[in-house]
All heavy atoms as atom14 arrays in JSON, in Angstrom:
{
  "sequence": "RELVIHGHRNGWGMLNRHPMLGIEFPAYQKIQRLAGVDQLHVN",
  "atom14_mask": [
    [1, 1, 1, 1, 1, 1, 1, 1, 1, 1, 1, 0, 0, 0],
    [1, 1, 1, 1, 1, 1, 1, 1, 1, 0, 0, 0, 0, 0],
    [1, 1, 1, 1, 1, 1, 1, 1, 0, 0, 0, 0, 0, 0],
    [1, 1, 1, 1, 1, 1, 1, 0, 0, 0, 0, 0, 0, 0],
    [1, 1, 1, 1, 1, 1, 1, 1, 0, 0, 0, 0, 0, 0],
    [1, 1, 1, 1, 1, 1, 1, 1, 1, 1, 0, 0, 0, 0],
    [1, 1, 1, 1, 0, 0, 0, 0, 0, 0, 0, 0, 0, 0],
    [1, 1, 1, 1, 1, 1, 1, 1, 1, 1, 0, 0, 0, 0],
    [1, 1, 1, 1, 1, 1, 1, 1, 1, 1, 1, 0, 0, 0],
    [1, 1, 1, 1, 1, 1, 1, 1, 0, 0, 0, 0, 0, 0],
    [1, 1, 1, 1, 0, 0, 0, 0, 0, 0, 0, 0, 0, 0],
    [1, 1, 1, 1, 1, 1, 1, 1, 1, 1, 1, 1, 1, 1],
    [1, 1, 1, 1, 0, 0, 0, 0, 0, 0, 0, 0, 0, 0],
    [1, 1, 1, 1, 1, 1, 1, 1, 0, 0, 0, 0, 0, 0],
    [1, 1, 1, 1, 1, 1, 1, 1, 0, 0, 0, 0, 0, 0],
    [1, 1, 1, 1, 1, 1, 1, 1, 0, 0, 0, 0, 0, 0],
    [1, 1, 1, 1, 1, 1, 1, 1, 1, 1, 1, 0, 0, 0],
    [1, 1, 1, 1, 1, 1, 1, 1, 1, 1, 0, 0, 0, 0],
    [1, 1, 1, 1, 1, 1, 1, 0, 0, 0, 0, 0, 0, 0],
    [1, 1, 1, 1, 1, 1, 1, 1, 0, 0, 0, 0, 0, 0],
    [1, 1, 1, 1, 1, 1, 1, 1, 0, 0, 0, 0, 0, 0],
    [1, 1, 1, 1, 0, 0, 0, 0, 0, 0, 0, 0, 0, 0],
    [1, 1, 1, 1, 1, 1, 1, 1, 0, 0, 0, 0, 0, 0],
    [1, 1, 1, 1, 1, 1, 1, 1, 1, 0, 0, 0, 0, 0],
    [1, 1, 1, 1, 1, 1, 1, 1, 1, 1, 1, 0, 0, 0],
    [1, 1, 1, 1, 1, 1, 1, 0, 0, 0, 0, 0, 0, 0],
    [1, 1, 1, 1, 1, 0, 0, 0, 0, 0, 0, 0, 0, 0],
    [1, 1, 1, 1, 1, 1, 1, 1, 1, 1, 1, 1, 0, 0],
    [1, 1, 1, 1, 1, 1, 1, 1, 1, 0, 0, 0, 0, 0],
    [1, 1, 1, 1, 1, 1, 1, 1, 1, 0, 0, 0, 0, 0],
    [1, 1, 1, 1, 1, 1, 1, 1, 0, 0, 0, 0, 0, 0],
    [1, 1, 1, 1, 1, 1, 1, 1, 1, 0, 0, 0, 0, 0],
    [1, 1, 1, 1, 1, 1, 1, 1, 1, 1, 1, 0, 0, 0],
    [1, 1, 1, 1, 1, 1, 1, 1, 0, 0, 0, 0, 0, 0],
    [1, 1, 1, 1, 1, 0, 0, 0, 0, 0, 0, 0, 0, 0],
    [1, 1, 1, 1, 0, 0, 0, 0, 0, 0, 0, 0, 0, 0],
    [1, 1, 1, 1, 1, 1, 1, 0, 0, 0, 0, 0, 0, 0],
    [1, 1, 1, 1, 1, 1, 1, 1, 0, 0, 0, 0, 0, 0],
    [1, 1, 1, 1, 1, 1, 1, 1, 1, 0, 0, 0, 0, 0],
    [1, 1, 1, 1, 1, 1, 1, 1, 0, 0, 0, 0, 0, 0],
    [1, 1, 1, 1, 1, 1, 1, 1, 1, 1, 0, 0, 0, 0],
    [1, 1, 1, 1, 1, 1, 1, 0, 0, 0, 0, 0, 0, 0],
    [1, 1, 1, 1, 1, 1, 1, 1, 0, 0, 0, 0, 0, 0]
  ],
  "atom14_positions": [
    [[4.94, 22.44, 19.33], [4.68, 21.56, 20.49], [3.25, 21.42, 20.97], [2.9, 21.27, 22.08], [5.57, 22.02, 21.69], [7.08, 22.08, 21.34], [7.94, 22.56, 22.45], [8.15, 21.55, 23.52], [8.92, 20.49, 23.44], [9.6, 20.31, 22.32], [9.0, 19.67, 24.44], [0.0, 0.0, 0.0], [0.0, 0.0, 0.0], [0.0, 0.0, 0.0]],
    [[2.36, 21.46, 19.95], [0.9, 21.32, 20.28], [0.32, 20.05, 19.66], [-0.61, 19.48, 20.15], [0.12, 22.52, 19.72], [0.48, 23.81, 20.33], [-0.17, 24.99, 19.64], [0.14, 25.23, 18.44], [-1.01, 25.64, 20.31], [0.0, 0.0, 0.0], [0.0, 0.0, 0.0], [0.0, 0.0, 0.0], [0.0, 0.0, 0.0], [0.0, 0.0, 0.0]],
    [[0.92, 19.57, 18.58], [0.54, 18.36, 17.92], [1.66, 17.37, 17.9], [2.87, 17.75, 17.93], [0.08, 18.61, 16.48], [-1.01, 19.57, 16.14], [-1.16, 19.8, 14.7], [-2.3, 19.04, 16.8], [0.0, 0.0, 0.0], [0.0, 0.0, 0.0], [0.0, 0.0, 0.0], [0.0, 0.0, 0.0], [0.0, 0.0, 0.0], [0.0, 0.0, 0.0]],
    [[1.33, 16.03, 17.98], [2.31, 14.95, 17.74], [2.86, 15.14, 16.29], [2.05, 15.31, 15.38], [1.69, 13.62, 17.94], [2.63, 12.51, 17.61], [1.15, 13.47, 19.42], [0.0, 0.0, 0.0], [0.0, 0.0, 0.0], [0.0, 0.0, 0.0], [0.0, 0.0, 0.0], [0.0, 0.0, 0.0], [0.0, 0.0, 0.0], [0.0, 0.0, 0.0]],
    [[4.16, 15.03, 16.11], [4.73, 15.15, 14.82], [5.22, 13.75, 14.38], [6.06, 13.11, 15.0], [5.91, 16.16, 14.77], [5.46, 17.54, 15.26], [6.56, 16.18, 13.38], [4.33, 18.12, 14.38], [0.0, 0.0, 0.0], [0.0, 0.0, 0.0], [0.0, 0.0, 0.0], [0.0, 0.0, 0.0], [0.0, 0.0, 0.0], [0.0, 0.0, 0.0]],
    [[4.56, 13.3, 13.32], [4.87, 11.98, 12.71], [5.84, 12.22, 11.58], [5.55, 12.81, 10.57], [3.53, 11.38, 12.1], [3.73, 10.04, 11.54], [3.57, 8.88, 12.2], [3.99, 9.7, 10.21], [3.74, 7.85, 11.37], [4.0, 8.31, 10.2], [0.0, 0.0, 0.0], [0.0, 0.0, 0.0], [0.0, 0.0, 0.0], [0.0, 0.0, 0.0]],
    [[7.11, 11.75, 11.75], [8.12, 12.0, 10.81], [8.27, 10.88, 9.74], [8.63, 9.7, 10.13], [0.0, 0.0, 0.0], [0.0, 0.0, 0.0], [0.0, 0.0, 0.0], [0.0, 0.0, 0.0], [0.0, 0.0, 0.0], [0.0, 0.0, 0.0], [0.0, 0.0, 0.0], [0.0, 0.0, 0.0], [0.0, 0.0, 0.0], [0.0, 0.0, 0.0]],
    [[7.87, 11.17, 8.49], [8.04, 10.24, 7.43], [9.35, 10.42, 6.73], [9.7, 11.53, 6.32], [6.86, 10.3, 6.41], [6.67, 9.12, 5.6], [7.61, 8.6, 4.71], [5.61, 8.27, 5.42], [7.18, 7.54, 4.14], [5.97, 7.28, 4.52], [0.0, 0.0, 0.0], [0.0, 0.0, 0.0], [0.0, 0.0, 0.0], [0.0, 0.0, 0.0]],
    [[10.11, 9.36, 6.64], [11.52, 9.5, 6.1], [11.58, 9.12, 4.58], [12.61, 8.69, 4.09], [12.46, 8.6, 6.87], [12.2, 7.08, 6.67], [13.19, 6.21, 7.4], [13.09, 4.86, 6.95], [13.9, 3.86, 7.38], [14.79, 4.08, 8.26], [13.76, 2.65, 6.89], [0.0, 0.0, 0.0], [0.0, 0.0, 0.0], [0.0, 0.0, 0.0]],
    [[10.49, 9.26, 3.84], [10.54, 8.89, 2.4], [11.72, 9.57, 1.72], [12.06, 10.77, 1.91], [9.24, 9.28, 1.68], [8.77, 10.68, 1.92], [9.12, 11.54, 1.16], [7.95, 10.87, 2.94], [0.0, 0.0, 0.0], [0.0, 0.0, 0.0], [0.0, 0.0, 0.0], [0.0, 0.0, 0.0], [0.0, 0.0, 0.0], [0.0, 0.0, 0.0]],
    [[12.45, 8.82, 0.87], [13.71, 9.31, 0.33], [14.88, 8.68, 1.17], [16.06, 8.98, 0.8], [0.0, 0.0, 0.0], [0.0, 0.0, 0.0], [0.0, 0.0, 0.0], [0.0, 0.0, 0.0], [0.0, 0.0, 0.0], [0.0, 0.0, 0.0], [0.0, 0.0, 0.0], [0.0, 0.0, 0.0], [0.0, 0.0, 0.0], [0.0, 0.0, 0.0]],
    [[14.62, 7.97, 2.13], [15.65, 7.38, 3.0], [16.7, 6.57, 2.18], [17.9, 6.65, 2.45], [15.04, 6.49, 4.07], [15.97, 5.67, 4.85], [15.98, 4.28, 4.9], [17.04, 6.09, 5.77], [17.04, 3.89, 5.76], [17.66, 4.98, 6.28], [17.49, 7.36, 6.16], [18.77, 5.07, 7.18], [18.54, 7.43, 7.04], [19.17, 6.31, 7.53]],
    [[16.26, 5.85, 1.17], [17.16, 5.04, 0.44], [18.32, 5.81, -0.2], [19.43, 5.33, -0.25], [0.0, 0.0, 0.0], [0.0, 0.0, 0.0], [0.0, 0.0, 0.0], [0.0, 0.0, 0.0], [0.0, 0.0, 0.0], [0.0, 0.0, 0.0], [0.0, 0.0, 0.0], [0.0, 0.0, 0.0], [0.0, 0.0, 0.0], [0.0, 0.0, 0.0]],
    [[18.06, 7.04, -0.63], [19.12, 7.81, -1.29], [20.17, 8.25, -0.21], [21.3, 8.6, -0.59], [18.57, 9.1, -1.94], [18.0, 10.08, -1.08], [17.33, 11.52, -2.03], [16.65, 12.51, -0.73], [0.0, 0.0, 0.0], [0.0, 0.0, 0.0], [0.0, 0.0, 0.0], [0.0, 0.0, 0.0], [0.0, 0.0, 0.0], [0.0, 0.0, 0.0]],
    [[19.81, 8.25, 1.04], [20.71, 8.65, 2.11], [21.51, 7.42, 2.67], [22.53, 7.6, 3.27], [19.99, 9.24, 3.28], [19.13, 10.5, 2.93], [18.35, 10.92, 4.2], [19.97, 11.59, 2.37], [0.0, 0.0, 0.0], [0.0, 0.0, 0.0], [0.0, 0.0, 0.0], [0.0, 0.0, 0.0], [0.0, 0.0, 0.0], [0.0, 0.0, 0.0]],
    [[20.98, 6.18, 2.48], [21.54, 5.06, 3.21], [21.78, 3.79, 2.39], [22.53, 2.93, 2.84], [20.54, 4.75, 4.34], [20.97, 3.51, 5.15], [20.46, 2.42, 4.93], [21.91, 3.69, 6.07], [0.0, 0.0, 0.0], [0.0, 0.0, 0.0], [0.0, 0.0, 0.0], [0.0, 0.0, 0.0], [0.0, 0.0, 0.0], [0.0, 0.0, 0.0]],
    [[21.12, 3.68, 1.25], [21.11, 2.35, 0.58], [22.49, 1.83, 0.23], [22.8, 0.64, 0.37], [20.22, 2.4, -0.66], [19.98, 0.98, -1.26], [18.91, 1.01, -2.27], [18.68, -0.32, -2.81], [17.69, -0.65, -3.62], [16.87, 0.31, -4.08], [17.54, -1.88, -4.09], [0.0, 0.0, 0.0], [0.0, 0.0, 0.0], [0.0, 0.0, 0.0]],
    [[23.41, 2.73, -0.2], [24.72, 2.22, -0.52], [25.52, 2.01, 0.81], [25.5, 2.91, 1.7], [25.5, 3.28, -1.36], [26.73, 2.74, -2.01], [27.85, 2.43, -1.28], [26.97, 2.42, -3.29], [28.81, 1.92, -2.07], [28.28, 1.92, -3.31], [0.0, 0.0, 0.0], [0.0, 0.0, 0.0], [0.0, 0.0, 0.0], [0.0, 0.0, 0.0]],
    [[26.14, 0.89, 0.99], [26.82, 0.58, 2.25], [27.98, 1.45, 2.59], [28.38, 1.51, 3.75], [27.19, -0.89, 2.12], [27.28, -1.09, 0.63], [26.21, -0.27, 0.05], [0.0, 0.0, 0.0], [0.0, 0.0, 0.0], [0.0, 0.0, 0.0], [0.0, 0.0, 0.0], [0.0, 0.0, 0.0], [0.0, 0.0, 0.0], [0.0, 0.0, 0.0]],
    [[28.49, 2.18, 1.61], [29.68, 3.01, 1.84], [29.4, 4.52, 1.55], [30.34, 5.26, 1.2], [30.87, 2.48, 1.0], [31.45, 1.21, 1.49], [32.05, 1.24, 3.18], [33.31, 2.52, 3.07], [0.0, 0.0, 0.0], [0.0, 0.0, 0.0], [0.0, 0.0, 0.0], [0.0, 0.0, 0.0], [0.0, 0.0, 0.0], [0.0, 0.0, 0.0]],
    [[28.13, 4.9, 1.64], [27.85, 6.32, 1.37], [26.66, 6.79, 2.1], [25.63, 6.03, 2.25], [27.59, 6.52, -0.16], [27.3, 7.91, -0.63], [28.58, 8.81, -0.47], [26.86, 7.96, -2.12], [0.0, 0.0, 0.0], [0.0, 0.0, 0.0], [0.0, 0.0, 0.0], [0.0, 0.0, 0.0], [0.0, 0.0, 0.0], [0.0, 0.0, 0.0]],
    [[26.68, 7.99, 2.72], [25.48, 8.54, 3.32], [25.56, 8.59, 4.8], [26.54, 9.04, 5.42], [0.0, 0.0, 0.0], [0.0, 0.0, 0.0], [0.0, 0.0, 0.0], [0.0, 0.0, 0.0], [0.0, 0.0, 0.0], [0.0, 0.0, 0.0], [0.0, 0.0, 0.0], [0.0, 0.0, 0.0], [0.0, 0.0, 0.0], [0.0, 0.0, 0.0]],
    [[24.46, 8.11, 5.45], [24.3, 8.19, 6.9], [23.6, 6.94, 7.43], [22.72, 6.44, 6.69], [23.52, 9.47, 7.31], [23.39, 9.6, 8.84], [22.13, 9.57, 6.59], [22.82, 10.96, 9.26], [0.0, 0.0, 0.0], [0.0, 0.0, 0.0], [0.0, 0.0, 0.0], [0.0, 0.0, 0.0], [0.0, 0.0, 0.0], [0.0, 0.0, 0.0]],
    [[24.0, 6.51, 8.54], [23.32, 5.34, 9.2], [22.22, 5.83, 10.11], [22.24, 6.95, 10.64], [24.36, 4.47, 9.98], [25.11, 3.52, 9.12], [24.3, 2.38, 8.56], [23.92, 1.49, 9.29], [24.0, 2.44, 7.32], [0.0, 0.0, 0.0], [0.0, 0.0, 0.0], [0.0, 0.0, 0.0], [0.0, 0.0, 0.0], [0.0, 0.0, 0.0]],
    [[21.24, 4.98, 10.3], [20.05, 5.43, 11.08], [20.33, 5.88, 12.49], [19.7, 6.81, 12.96], [19.0, 4.27, 11.08], [17.64, 4.81, 11.5], [16.79, 5.43, 10.57], [17.24, 4.67, 12.76], [15.57, 5.91, 11.01], [16.0, 5.1, 13.19], [15.13, 5.72, 12.31], [0.0, 0.0, 0.0], [0.0, 0.0, 0.0], [0.0, 0.0, 0.0]],
    [[21.29, 5.23, 13.25], [21.52, 5.83, 14.62], [21.9, 7.27, 14.67], [21.44, 7.99, 15.55], [22.7, 4.92, 15.08], [22.44, 3.62, 14.36], [21.97, 3.98, 13.01], [0.0, 0.0, 0.0], [0.0, 0.0, 0.0], [0.0, 0.0, 0.0], [0.0, 0.0, 0.0], [0.0, 0.0, 0.0], [0.0, 0.0, 0.0], [0.0, 0.0, 0.0]],
    [[22.58, 7.73, 13.61], [22.92, 9.17, 13.54], [21.71, 9.93, 13.06], [21.38, 11.03, 13.57], [24.08, 9.37, 12.56], [0.0, 0.0, 0.0], [0.0, 0.0, 0.0], [0.0, 0.0, 0.0], [0.0, 0.0, 0.0], [0.0, 0.0, 0.0], [0.0, 0.0, 0.0], [0.0, 0.0, 0.0], [0.0, 0.0, 0.0], [0.0, 0.0, 0.0]],
    [[21.03, 9.37, 12.07], [19.83, 10.12, 11.47], [18.74, 10.31, 12.52], [18.21, 11.46, 12.59], [19.31, 9.26, 10.32], [18.12, 9.8, 9.62], [18.3, 10.76, 8.55], [16.81, 9.3, 9.83], [17.2, 11.21, 7.87], [15.73, 9.79, 9.1], [15.95, 10.76, 8.13], [14.87, 11.18, 7.39], [0.0, 0.0, 0.0], [0.0, 0.0, 0.0]],
    [[18.46, 9.4, 13.32], [17.35, 9.54, 14.27], [17.71, 10.51, 15.43], [16.87, 11.22, 15.92], [16.94, 8.15, 14.84], [18.01, 7.35, 15.6], [18.15, 7.68, 17.05], [17.22, 8.27, 17.69], [19.32, 7.42, 17.62], [0.0, 0.0, 0.0], [0.0, 0.0, 0.0], [0.0, 0.0, 0.0], [0.0, 0.0, 0.0], [0.0, 0.0, 0.0]],
    [[19.02, 10.68, 15.68], [19.4, 11.69, 16.66], [19.17, 13.09, 16.16], [18.75, 13.98, 16.88], [20.89, 11.49, 17.09], [21.16, 10.29, 17.97], [22.61, 10.27, 18.34], [22.86, 9.11, 19.23], [24.33, 8.86, 19.58], [0.0, 0.0, 0.0], [0.0, 0.0, 0.0], [0.0, 0.0, 0.0], [0.0, 0.0, 0.0], [0.0, 0.0, 0.0]],
    [[19.43, 13.3, 14.87], [19.13, 14.58, 14.26], [17.65, 14.91, 14.36], [17.26, 16.02, 14.73], [19.6, 14.59, 12.77], [21.13, 14.43, 12.64], [19.14, 15.85, 12.08], [21.6, 14.18, 11.22], [0.0, 0.0, 0.0], [0.0, 0.0, 0.0], [0.0, 0.0, 0.0], [0.0, 0.0, 0.0], [0.0, 0.0, 0.0], [0.0, 0.0, 0.0]],
    [[16.8, 13.9, 14.12], [15.36, 14.14, 14.13], [14.88, 14.34, 15.58], [13.89, 15.14, 15.85], [14.65, 13.01, 13.49], [15.06, 12.69, 12.08], [15.01, 13.94, 11.22], [14.19, 14.79, 11.33], [15.98, 14.01, 10.22], [0.0, 0.0, 0.0], [0.0, 0.0, 0.0], [0.0, 0.0, 0.0], [0.0, 0.0, 0.0], [0.0, 0.0, 0.0]],
    [[15.5, 13.73, 16.59], [15.16, 13.86, 17.94], [15.53, 15.34, 18.36], [14.76, 15.98, 19.1], [15.84, 12.89, 18.87], [15.18, 11.47, 18.84], [15.49, 10.79, 20.15], [16.32, 9.65, 19.93], [16.57, 8.66, 20.87], [15.99, 8.78, 22.09], [17.31, 7.65, 20.6], [0.0, 0.0, 0.0], [0.0, 0.0, 0.0], [0.0, 0.0, 0.0]],
    [[16.68, 15.76, 17.93], [17.11, 17.13, 18.24], [16.11, 18.16, 17.66], [15.75, 19.14, 18.27], [18.48, 17.42, 17.77], [19.63, 16.82, 18.56], [20.98, 16.95, 17.76], [19.79, 17.46, 19.92], [0.0, 0.0, 0.0], [0.0, 0.0, 0.0], [0.0, 0.0, 0.0], [0.0, 0.0, 0.0], [0.0, 0.0, 0.0], [0.0, 0.0, 0.0]],
    [[15.59, 17.83, 16.49], [14.62, 18.75, 15.84], [13.24, 18.72, 16.51], [12.51, 19.66, 16.42], [14.46, 18.4, 14.32], [0.0, 0.0, 0.0], [0.0, 0.0, 0.0], [0.0, 0.0, 0.0], [0.0, 0.0, 0.0], [0.0, 0.0, 0.0], [0.0, 0.0, 0.0], [0.0, 0.0, 0.0], [0.0, 0.0, 0.0], [0.0, 0.0, 0.0]],
    [[12.91, 17.56, 17.23], [11.67, 17.49, 17.96], [10.62, 16.49, 17.39], [9.51, 16.52, 17.8], [0.0, 0.0, 0.0], [0.0, 0.0, 0.0], [0.0, 0.0, 0.0], [0.0, 0.0, 0.0], [0.0, 0.0, 0.0], [0.0, 0.0, 0.0], [0.0, 0.0, 0.0], [0.0, 0.0, 0.0], [0.0, 0.0, 0.0], [0.0, 0.0, 0.0]],
    [[11.06, 15.67, 16.46], [10.09, 14.73, 15.86], [9.7, 13.71, 16.88], [10.52, 13.18, 17.66], [10.74, 14.01, 14.62], [9.88, 12.86, 14.17], [11.02, 15.05, 13.5], [0.0, 0.0, 0.0], [0.0, 0.0, 0.0], [0.0, 0.0, 0.0], [0.0, 0.0, 0.0], [0.0, 0.0, 0.0], [0.0, 0.0, 0.0], [0.0, 0.0, 0.0]],
    [[8.41, 13.38, 16.98], [7.87, 12.43, 17.99], [7.83, 10.99, 17.55], [7.98, 10.09, 18.32], [6.43, 12.87, 18.34], [6.39, 14.17, 19.04], [6.87, 14.31, 20.16], [5.82, 15.1, 18.48], [0.0, 0.0, 0.0], [0.0, 0.0, 0.0], [0.0, 0.0, 0.0], [0.0, 0.0, 0.0], [0.0, 0.0, 0.0], [0.0, 0.0, 0.0]],
    [[7.58, 10.76, 16.24], [7.43, 9.43, 15.66], [8.24, 9.35, 14.36], [8.28, 10.3, 13.58], [5.95, 9.12, 15.33], [5.0, 9.31, 16.49], [3.52, 9.16, 16.09], [3.25, 9.01, 14.88], [2.66, 9.12, 17.1], [0.0, 0.0, 0.0], [0.0, 0.0, 0.0], [0.0, 0.0, 0.0], [0.0, 0.0, 0.0], [0.0, 0.0, 0.0]],
    [[8.98, 8.24, 14.25], [9.9, 8.17, 13.01], [9.84, 6.75, 12.4], [9.96, 5.77, 13.11], [11.32, 8.53, 13.45], [12.37, 8.57, 12.36], [12.05, 9.61, 11.36], [13.77, 8.86, 13.05], [0.0, 0.0, 0.0], [0.0, 0.0, 0.0], [0.0, 0.0, 0.0], [0.0, 0.0, 0.0], [0.0, 0.0, 0.0], [0.0, 0.0, 0.0]],
    [[9.69, 6.75, 11.12], [9.65, 5.47, 10.42], [11.01, 4.74, 10.5], [12.05, 5.32, 10.35], [9.3, 5.69, 8.93], [7.84, 5.94, 8.67], [7.08, 5.22, 7.92], [7.03, 6.92, 9.27], [5.82, 5.67, 7.88], [5.79, 6.68, 8.75], [0.0, 0.0, 0.0], [0.0, 0.0, 0.0], [0.0, 0.0, 0.0], [0.0, 0.0, 0.0]],
    [[10.89, 3.37, 10.6], [12.12, 2.54, 10.73], [12.1, 1.34, 9.75], [12.89, 0.5, 9.83], [12.29, 2.03, 12.21], [12.54, 3.19, 13.15], [11.1, 1.17, 12.64], [0.0, 0.0, 0.0], [0.0, 0.0, 0.0], [0.0, 0.0, 0.0], [0.0, 0.0, 0.0], [0.0, 0.0, 0.0], [0.0, 0.0, 0.0], [0.0, 0.0, 0.0]],
    [[11.05, 1.3, 8.85], [10.83, 0.11, 8.02], [10.32, -1.05, 8.88], [9.86, -0.79, 9.99], [12.09, -0.26, 7.22], [11.84, -0.77, 5.88], [10.73, -1.34, 5.61], [12.75, -0.6, 4.95], [0.0, 0.0, 0.0], [0.0, 0.0, 0.0], [0.0, 0.0, 0.0], [0.0, 0.0, 0.0], [0.0, 0.0, 0.0], [0.0, 0.0, 0.0]]
  ]
}
């Protein structure tokens, strides 16, 4: 909690690209918020 944390989601396609497999971003970003990420890529 001393530096801003910029969260890069490279590899996102393997988690989301198929419409019937993986995780949608609304759930994904909540996980990152719980972890404490300050900035998160959204395309």
